[in-house]
Amino acid sequence: MVVVRPNSSSKRNGRGILGFASGINAKSYIILGLTMVLFSFSCCYIYIYNLHINSHHFTTSDEAAGNWRRGSSLFHRLEGMSNGFSWKVIDWQHPFSADEESRFTCTWTHFQSFLSRESAPMCVHDDDAVSNSIKGNKRWSDCDILPVLWNNGSAESYVYVEIGANIGSCLMEMLLSTNASIIAFEPHPMNLYNIKKTVSLLGESYQDRLTLFPLGLGNASATSTIYSATGNMGNSGKVISDHPGQVFDQKNQFTVHVERLDSILAASKMKIGLMKMDAQGFECRIVEGMGDVAEIIDVMKFEYAYPWLHSHGCFDLVSLLMKNFDIYTGFHDGVFSGLTNDIEVSANTNTVFDLFASKRNS
């Protein structure tokens, strides 16, 4: 350590320890002192003001939800309660409860992005259609088109929203092949566990891009029972079999939270470049709960699954969406094709396919 002390020559030359020029007097010291006090007060005021502004927008939950957000203004809330059961957005610093770790397990495999070819470890179910595809093909092909749709028109400030994230196969495709900021909803605790396991192994920069809500979406705030079928953990909303003899195991039934989308997202504060919706027949209720959020969506990819839609009393999904969107059957080389408005008339009981909704006049 170097210690600097005034020497005798500095005193003889009228210099003190601060090294000011000779000739300084008591009045000058007073003026200097007042100036320093005023300067310190100004700095303190600026710091407190900025702290107040930031605290007005940020909470601990906000920071946990992802640094990409410019405060909580994009969200009406990050936690809530339905019928006595509480929910909270996933905190990537502490994503797991002791109960989850004791009840759930997963199988590790590798996911590889179709577009970027980037790969990462992924937590999947032991025996499930999506999981088996990822174990065999390193991806779920339904997700391949999502980054293409995103890159076709979304600006950097736009958001990707996924309703029905399942075990996270499409989230992984978007995380590894785009720079999109992502908001995802998945109500099933076992699927949520897999997503959290997977994302927890990714770098912090990926975690900061993903805001994950442990919720189902609908047209009202409520709680509901969610079911799981053998071989299809995505078949969750109601006991509707993919085929005769399919079993719904009671131990995989859970009480989950359901909220309206417009009670979570602040439509005036964001722009949704792309939305993916796959809710096993609950899509009509979700669209009814979108409110003004529907007006800020550019493009939506959604599943039209006749058996599940009609079992949930959803007979007019396309008609509901046509209030804000044109509906297409295909997307190739940056262009939507197959403009349609009569899917519900022509669909038969076995119809299951993807459709695209593009904001009218966008």
Protein backbone atom coordinates (compact mmCIF):
# COMPACT_ATOMS: atom_id res chain seq x y z
CA MET A 1 0.00 0.00 0.00
CA VAL A 2 1.23 3.49 -0.86
CA VAL A 3 0.46 6.23 1.70
CA VAL A 4 0.77 9.84 0.55
CA ARG A 5 1.53 12.46 3.19
CA PRO A 6 2.14 16.18 2.78
CA ASN A 7 5.85 16.96 3.05
CA SER A 8 7.47 20.03 4.54
CA SER A 9 8.00 21.64 1.17
CA SER A 10 4.33 21.44 0.36
CA LYS A 11 3.51 23.21 3.60
CA ARG A 12 6.10 25.87 2.90
CA ASN A 13 4.56 26.42 -0.52
CA GLY A 14 1.12 26.86 1.01
CA ARG A 15 -0.19 23.47 -0.25
CA GLY A 16 -2.29 21.24 1.98
CA ILE A 17 -2.96 17.52 1.64
CA LEU A 18 -5.47 18.19 -1.17
CA GLY A 19 -2.77 19.93 -3.18
CA PHE A 20 -4.66 23.15 -3.87
CA ALA A 21 -2.72 26.17 -5.05
CA SER A 22 -1.29 28.54 -2.49
CA GLY A 23 -3.25 31.57 -1.46
CA ILE A 24 -6.43 29.66 -0.58
CA ASN A 25 -8.30 31.17 2.38
CA ALA A 26 -11.08 30.20 4.80
CA LYS A 27 -13.80 31.74 2.63
CA SER A 28 -12.73 29.62 -0.32
CA TYR A 29 -12.89 26.47 1.81
CA ILE A 30 -16.44 27.34 2.87
CA ILE A 31 -17.53 27.87 -0.75
CA LEU A 32 -15.84 24.62 -1.78
CA GLY A 33 -17.52 22.73 1.05
CA LEU A 34 -20.98 24.02 0.17
CA THR A 35 -20.42 23.12 -3.48
CA MET A 36 -19.48 19.55 -2.56
CA VAL A 37 -22.54 19.22 -0.30
CA LEU A 38 -24.86 20.43 -3.09
CA PHE A 39 -23.22 18.06 -5.57
CA SER A 40 -23.65 15.09 -3.21
CA PHE A 41 -27.30 16.02 -2.58
CA SER A 42 -27.97 16.19 -6.34
CA CYS A 43 -26.41 12.77 -6.94
CA CYS A 44 -28.41 11.28 -4.07
CA TYR A 45 -31.65 12.79 -5.42
CA ILE A 46 -31.02 11.41 -8.91
CA TYR A 47 -30.28 7.95 -7.49
CA ILE A 48 -33.45 7.94 -5.34
CA TYR A 49 -35.56 9.20 -8.25
CA ASN A 50 -34.28 6.49 -10.57
CA LEU A 51 -34.81 3.89 -7.86
CA HIS A 52 -38.40 5.06 -7.47
CA ILE A 53 -39.04 4.89 -11.22
CA ASN A 54 -37.55 1.42 -11.48
CA SER A 55 -39.38 0.11 -8.43
CA HIS A 56 -42.62 1.36 -9.92
CA HIS A 57 -42.15 -1.09 -12.81
CA PHE A 58 -40.10 -3.93 -11.34
CA THR A 59 -40.67 -6.43 -8.56
CA THR A 60 -38.70 -9.49 -7.52
CA SER A 61 -41.14 -11.61 -9.48
CA ASP A 62 -40.64 -9.43 -12.56
CA GLU A 63 -36.89 -9.97 -12.53
CA ALA A 64 -37.37 -13.71 -12.13
CA ALA A 65 -39.72 -13.70 -15.09
CA GLY A 66 -36.99 -12.56 -17.51
CA ASN A 67 -34.72 -9.60 -18.00
CA TRP A 68 -35.91 -9.04 -21.56
CA ARG A 69 -39.05 -7.33 -20.32
CA ARG A 70 -38.89 -3.60 -19.78
CA GLY A 71 -40.62 -3.88 -16.44
CA SER A 72 -43.93 -5.44 -15.49
CA SER A 73 -45.89 -3.17 -17.80
CA LEU A 74 -46.27 -6.03 -20.30
CA PHE A 75 -48.20 -8.03 -17.71
CA HIS A 76 -51.22 -7.27 -15.56
CA ARG A 77 -49.98 -9.80 -13.02
CA LEU A 78 -47.37 -12.48 -12.48
CA GLU A 79 -49.18 -14.39 -9.77
CA GLY A 80 -52.74 -15.02 -8.67
CA MET A 81 -55.25 -17.23 -6.93
CA SER A 82 -58.18 -19.32 -8.15
CA ASN A 83 -60.61 -20.98 -5.75
CA GLY A 84 -58.07 -20.92 -2.95
CA PHE A 85 -55.20 -22.27 -5.07
CA SER A 86 -52.34 -19.90 -5.84
CA TRP A 87 -50.05 -19.75 -8.86
CA LYS A 88 -46.88 -17.83 -9.67
CA VAL A 89 -44.77 -17.31 -12.78
CA ILE A 90 -41.75 -19.63 -12.87
CA ASP A 91 -38.65 -18.26 -11.14
CA TRP A 92 -35.63 -19.65 -12.99
CA GLN A 93 -33.44 -19.13 -9.94
CA HIS A 94 -35.67 -21.49 -7.92
CA PRO A 95 -37.81 -23.41 -10.43
CA PHE A 96 -38.58 -26.59 -8.47
CA SER A 97 -40.50 -27.42 -5.33
CA ALA A 98 -39.53 -30.30 -3.06
CA ASP A 99 -42.85 -31.95 -3.93
CA GLU A 100 -42.07 -31.90 -7.66
CA GLU A 101 -38.62 -33.37 -7.17
CA SER A 102 -40.06 -36.21 -5.08
CA ARG A 103 -43.00 -37.03 -7.39
CA PHE A 104 -41.78 -36.55 -10.95
CA THR A 105 -38.93 -37.95 -13.04
CA CYS A 106 -37.88 -37.69 -16.66
CA THR A 107 -35.70 -39.32 -19.31
CA TRP A 108 -32.87 -37.31 -20.83
CA THR A 109 -32.28 -37.18 -24.56
CA HIS A 110 -30.98 -34.61 -27.08
CA PHE A 111 -33.07 -32.07 -28.95
CA GLN A 112 -31.76 -30.59 -32.20
CA SER A 113 -33.26 -27.53 -33.85
CA PHE A 114 -34.57 -28.16 -37.36
CA LEU A 115 -33.56 -24.68 -38.52
CA SER A 116 -30.31 -23.84 -36.71
CA ARG A 117 -29.09 -27.42 -36.05
CA GLU A 118 -28.16 -26.30 -32.54
CA SER A 119 -28.72 -29.02 -29.94
CA ALA A 120 -29.22 -29.28 -26.19
CA PRO A 121 -30.19 -31.91 -23.58
CA MET A 122 -33.94 -32.27 -23.15
CA CYS A 123 -36.03 -33.87 -20.41
CA VAL A 124 -38.83 -36.02 -21.91
CA HIS A 125 -41.40 -38.55 -20.72
CA ASP A 126 -40.62 -42.26 -20.72
CA ASP A 127 -43.32 -43.24 -23.22
CA ASP A 128 -45.25 -40.50 -24.99
CA ALA A 129 -45.83 -39.56 -28.64
CA VAL A 130 -43.92 -36.27 -28.52
CA SER A 131 -41.18 -37.67 -26.29
CA ASN A 132 -40.68 -40.73 -28.50
CA SER A 133 -40.38 -38.52 -31.57
CA ILE A 134 -37.69 -36.42 -29.91
CA LYS A 135 -35.82 -39.53 -28.75
CA GLY A 136 -35.92 -40.94 -32.27
CA ASN A 137 -35.72 -37.83 -34.48
CA LYS A 138 -34.29 -35.24 -32.04
CA ARG A 139 -37.29 -32.99 -32.57
CA TRP A 140 -41.09 -32.75 -32.92
CA SER A 141 -41.74 -31.90 -36.57
CA ASP A 142 -44.88 -29.83 -35.84
CA CYS A 143 -42.51 -27.14 -34.53
CA ASP A 144 -40.33 -26.90 -37.66
CA ILE A 145 -42.33 -24.13 -39.28
CA LEU A 146 -42.46 -21.81 -36.24
CA PRO A 147 -39.05 -20.09 -36.64
CA VAL A 148 -39.78 -19.75 -40.37
CA LEU A 149 -43.03 -17.95 -39.59
CA TRP A 150 -41.23 -15.84 -36.98
CA ASN A 151 -38.43 -14.80 -39.31
CA ASN A 152 -40.93 -14.02 -42.05
CA GLY A 153 -42.24 -10.90 -40.37
CA SER A 154 -41.51 -10.41 -36.67
CA ALA A 155 -39.50 -7.41 -35.51
CA GLU A 156 -36.92 -7.70 -32.73
CA SER A 157 -39.27 -6.07 -30.22
CA TYR A 158 -42.09 -8.54 -30.90
CA VAL A 159 -43.01 -11.45 -28.62
CA TYR A 160 -43.67 -15.14 -29.35
CA VAL A 161 -46.55 -16.60 -27.31
CA GLU A 162 -47.14 -20.34 -26.93
CA ILE A 163 -50.42 -21.65 -25.52
CA GLY A 164 -50.10 -25.33 -24.63
CA ALA A 165 -46.33 -25.78 -24.40
CA ASN A 166 -46.52 -29.50 -23.56
CA ILE A 167 -42.96 -30.67 -22.67
CA GLY A 168 -41.35 -27.74 -24.49
CA SER A 169 -40.42 -29.09 -27.93
CA CYS A 170 -41.57 -25.94 -29.74
CA LEU A 171 -40.08 -23.75 -27.03
CA MET A 172 -36.74 -25.43 -27.66
CA GLU A 173 -37.02 -24.88 -31.40
CA MET A 174 -37.69 -21.18 -30.87
CA LEU A 175 -35.02 -20.78 -28.17
CA LEU A 176 -32.31 -22.45 -30.25
CA SER A 177 -33.13 -21.01 -33.67
CA THR A 178 -34.34 -17.44 -32.96
CA ASN A 179 -33.71 -14.56 -30.57
CA ALA A 180 -37.42 -14.29 -29.78
CA SER A 181 -38.67 -13.24 -26.35
CA ILE A 182 -41.13 -15.94 -25.34
CA ILE A 183 -44.24 -16.12 -23.15
CA ALA A 184 -45.51 -19.68 -22.64
CA PHE A 185 -48.47 -21.30 -20.88
CA GLU A 186 -48.62 -24.93 -19.74
CA PRO A 187 -50.94 -26.16 -16.98
CA HIS A 188 -49.95 -29.82 -16.60
CA PRO A 189 -47.51 -30.24 -13.66
CA MET A 190 -45.68 -33.19 -15.25
CA ASN A 191 -45.12 -31.32 -18.51
CA LEU A 192 -44.07 -28.22 -16.58
CA TYR A 193 -41.52 -30.27 -14.68
CA ASN A 194 -39.96 -31.41 -17.96
CA ILE A 195 -39.81 -27.88 -19.35
CA LYS A 196 -38.19 -26.57 -16.19
CA LYS A 197 -35.64 -29.40 -16.12
CA THR A 198 -34.68 -28.71 -19.73
CA VAL A 199 -34.47 -24.92 -19.50
CA SER A 200 -32.60 -25.09 -16.18
CA LEU A 201 -29.66 -26.66 -18.04
CA LEU A 202 -29.60 -23.90 -20.65
CA GLY A 203 -27.61 -20.73 -20.14
CA GLU A 204 -29.04 -17.75 -18.32
CA SER A 205 -29.47 -15.88 -21.60
CA TYR A 206 -32.02 -18.51 -22.70
CA GLN A 207 -33.81 -18.50 -19.35
CA ASP A 208 -34.11 -14.71 -19.46
CA ARG A 209 -35.95 -14.97 -22.78
CA LEU A 210 -38.64 -17.32 -21.46
CA THR A 211 -41.51 -16.28 -19.19
CA LEU A 212 -43.35 -19.47 -18.25
CA PHE A 213 -46.82 -19.44 -16.68
CA PRO A 214 -48.10 -22.61 -14.92
CA LEU A 215 -51.59 -21.97 -16.29
CA GLY A 216 -54.23 -23.12 -18.67
CA LEU A 217 -56.12 -20.41 -20.54
CA GLY A 218 -59.86 -20.02 -20.95
CA ASN A 219 -62.70 -17.49 -20.80
CA ALA A 220 -62.80 -17.17 -16.99
CA SER A 221 -60.60 -17.44 -13.91
CA ALA A 222 -61.14 -20.90 -12.45
CA THR A 223 -59.62 -24.20 -11.43
CA SER A 224 -60.09 -27.35 -13.45
CA THR A 225 -59.08 -31.00 -13.51
CA ILE A 226 -56.52 -31.95 -16.14
CA TYR A 227 -56.12 -35.50 -17.42
CA SER A 228 -53.34 -37.47 -19.11
CA ALA A 229 -53.66 -40.40 -21.47
CA THR A 230 -51.20 -43.23 -21.85
CA GLY A 231 -48.96 -42.47 -24.80
CA ASN A 232 -50.10 -38.85 -25.09
CA MET A 233 -49.38 -36.48 -22.22
CA GLY A 234 -50.66 -33.67 -24.44
CA ASN A 235 -54.16 -35.15 -24.41
CA SER A 236 -54.89 -33.40 -21.16
CA GLY A 237 -57.96 -31.16 -21.10
CA LYS A 238 -60.71 -33.77 -20.96
CA VAL A 239 -61.16 -37.55 -21.12
CA ILE A 240 -61.22 -37.83 -24.93
CA SER A 241 -59.45 -40.90 -26.29
CA ASP A 242 -57.14 -40.89 -29.31
CA HIS A 243 -58.21 -44.49 -29.95
CA PRO A 244 -60.38 -47.20 -28.32
CA GLY A 245 -58.82 -48.65 -25.20
CA GLN A 246 -56.63 -45.65 -24.38
CA VAL A 247 -56.25 -45.37 -20.60
CA PHE A 248 -56.42 -42.18 -18.51
CA ASP A 249 -54.46 -42.91 -15.33
CA GLN A 250 -56.06 -41.34 -12.25
CA LYS A 251 -52.66 -40.70 -10.64
CA ASN A 252 -51.90 -38.31 -13.52
CA GLN A 253 -54.97 -36.14 -12.85
CA PHE A 254 -54.29 -32.73 -11.32
CA THR A 255 -56.12 -29.56 -10.32
CA VAL A 256 -54.81 -26.68 -12.44
CA HIS A 257 -55.38 -22.95 -12.75
CA VAL A 258 -57.18 -21.36 -15.69
CA GLU A 259 -57.06 -17.64 -16.50
CA ARG A 260 -58.15 -15.33 -19.30
CA LEU A 261 -55.27 -14.26 -21.53
CA ASP A 262 -56.32 -10.61 -21.33
CA SER A 263 -56.06 -10.81 -17.53
CA ILE A 264 -52.35 -11.67 -17.89
CA LEU A 265 -51.05 -9.75 -20.92
CA ALA A 266 -51.33 -5.98 -21.35
CA ALA A 267 -52.30 -5.54 -24.99
CA SER A 268 -51.32 -1.87 -25.08
CA LYS A 269 -47.72 -2.66 -24.11
CA MET A 270 -46.67 -5.39 -26.55
CA LYS A 271 -46.84 -6.78 -30.06
CA ILE A 272 -47.21 -10.53 -30.60
CA GLY A 273 -45.43 -11.45 -33.81
CA LEU A 274 -46.38 -15.12 -33.61
CA MET A 275 -48.64 -17.26 -31.45
CA LYS A 276 -48.92 -21.06 -31.37
CA MET A 277 -52.12 -22.47 -29.89
CA ASP A 278 -52.67 -26.18 -29.23
CA ALA A 279 -55.12 -26.78 -26.39
CA GLN A 280 -56.81 -30.09 -27.20
CA GLY A 281 -60.22 -28.67 -28.04
CA PHE A 282 -60.29 -25.79 -25.56
CA GLU A 283 -59.40 -23.25 -28.26
CA CYS A 284 -62.82 -21.57 -28.42
CA ARG A 285 -62.72 -20.71 -24.72
CA ILE A 286 -59.16 -19.41 -25.10
CA VAL A 287 -60.11 -17.13 -28.00
CA GLU A 288 -63.10 -15.85 -26.00
CA GLY A 289 -60.69 -14.97 -23.18
CA MET A 290 -58.23 -13.11 -25.41
CA GLY A 291 -60.21 -9.87 -25.44
CA ASP A 292 -58.17 -7.04 -26.94
CA VAL A 293 -55.02 -9.20 -27.00
CA ALA A 294 -56.36 -10.70 -30.26
CA GLU A 295 -55.85 -7.31 -31.91
CA ILE A 296 -52.06 -7.32 -31.35
CA ILE A 297 -51.35 -10.77 -32.84
CA ASP A 298 -49.85 -10.80 -36.34
CA VAL A 299 -49.82 -14.55 -37.06
CA MET A 300 -51.18 -17.60 -35.26
CA LYS A 301 -50.57 -21.28 -35.93
CA PHE A 302 -53.27 -23.43 -34.36
CA GLU A 303 -54.49 -27.01 -34.44
CA TYR A 304 -57.95 -27.80 -35.74
CA ALA A 305 -58.83 -31.13 -34.10
CA TYR A 306 -62.48 -31.94 -34.73
CA PRO A 307 -62.92 -34.68 -32.06
CA TRP A 308 -61.52 -32.54 -29.24
CA LEU A 309 -63.12 -29.27 -30.37
CA HIS A 310 -66.60 -30.74 -30.58
CA SER A 311 -66.24 -32.66 -27.32
CA HIS A 312 -65.63 -29.27 -25.67
CA GLY A 313 -68.63 -27.72 -27.44
CA CYS A 314 -66.37 -25.69 -29.73
CA PHE A 315 -68.18 -25.57 -33.09
CA ASP A 316 -67.17 -22.13 -34.34
CA LEU A 317 -63.42 -21.72 -33.78
CA VAL A 318 -62.70 -20.47 -37.29
CA SER A 319 -65.67 -18.08 -37.16
CA LEU A 320 -64.38 -16.63 -33.89
CA LEU A 321 -60.92 -16.08 -35.33
CA MET A 322 -62.23 -14.55 -38.55
CA LYS A 323 -63.26 -11.45 -36.59
CA ASN A 324 -59.58 -10.46 -36.63
CA PHE A 325 -57.81 -12.82 -39.03
CA ASP A 326 -57.82 -14.42 -42.44
CA ILE A 327 -57.55 -18.21 -42.15
CA TYR A 328 -55.22 -20.24 -44.39
CA THR A 329 -54.44 -23.92 -44.81
CA GLY A 330 -50.80 -23.54 -45.87
CA PHE A 331 -47.62 -21.46 -45.75
CA HIS A 332 -44.86 -21.84 -48.34
CA ASP A 333 -41.93 -19.64 -49.38
CA GLY A 334 -43.07 -16.77 -47.19
CA VAL A 335 -46.65 -16.75 -48.52
CA PHE A 336 -49.89 -18.03 -46.96
CA SER A 337 -52.07 -20.15 -49.24
CA GLY A 338 -55.48 -21.80 -49.23
CA LEU A 339 -57.62 -18.94 -47.90
CA THR A 340 -60.65 -20.59 -46.36
CA ASN A 341 -63.74 -19.82 -44.32
CA ASP A 342 -65.64 -23.11 -44.49
CA ILE A 343 -63.42 -25.51 -42.56
CA GLU A 344 -66.11 -26.15 -39.96
CA VAL A 345 -68.63 -27.04 -42.66
CA SER A 346 -66.33 -29.43 -44.53
CA ALA A 347 -64.57 -31.01 -41.54
CA ASN A 348 -65.38 -34.59 -40.63
CA THR A 349 -65.13 -36.41 -37.33
CA ASN A 350 -61.52 -37.47 -37.95
CA THR A 351 -60.19 -34.07 -39.01
CA VAL A 352 -56.95 -33.02 -37.29
CA PHE A 353 -54.68 -30.53 -39.05
CA ASP A 354 -52.90 -27.21 -38.62
CA LEU A 355 -54.27 -23.87 -39.79
CA PHE A 356 -52.78 -20.38 -39.93
CA ALA A 357 -54.45 -17.13 -38.90
CA SER A 358 -52.94 -13.96 -40.35
CA LYS A 359 -54.04 -10.56 -39.10
CA ARG A 360 -56.32 -9.02 -41.67
CA ASN A 361 -54.68 -6.19 -43.65
CA SER A 362 -51.34 -6.76 -41.88
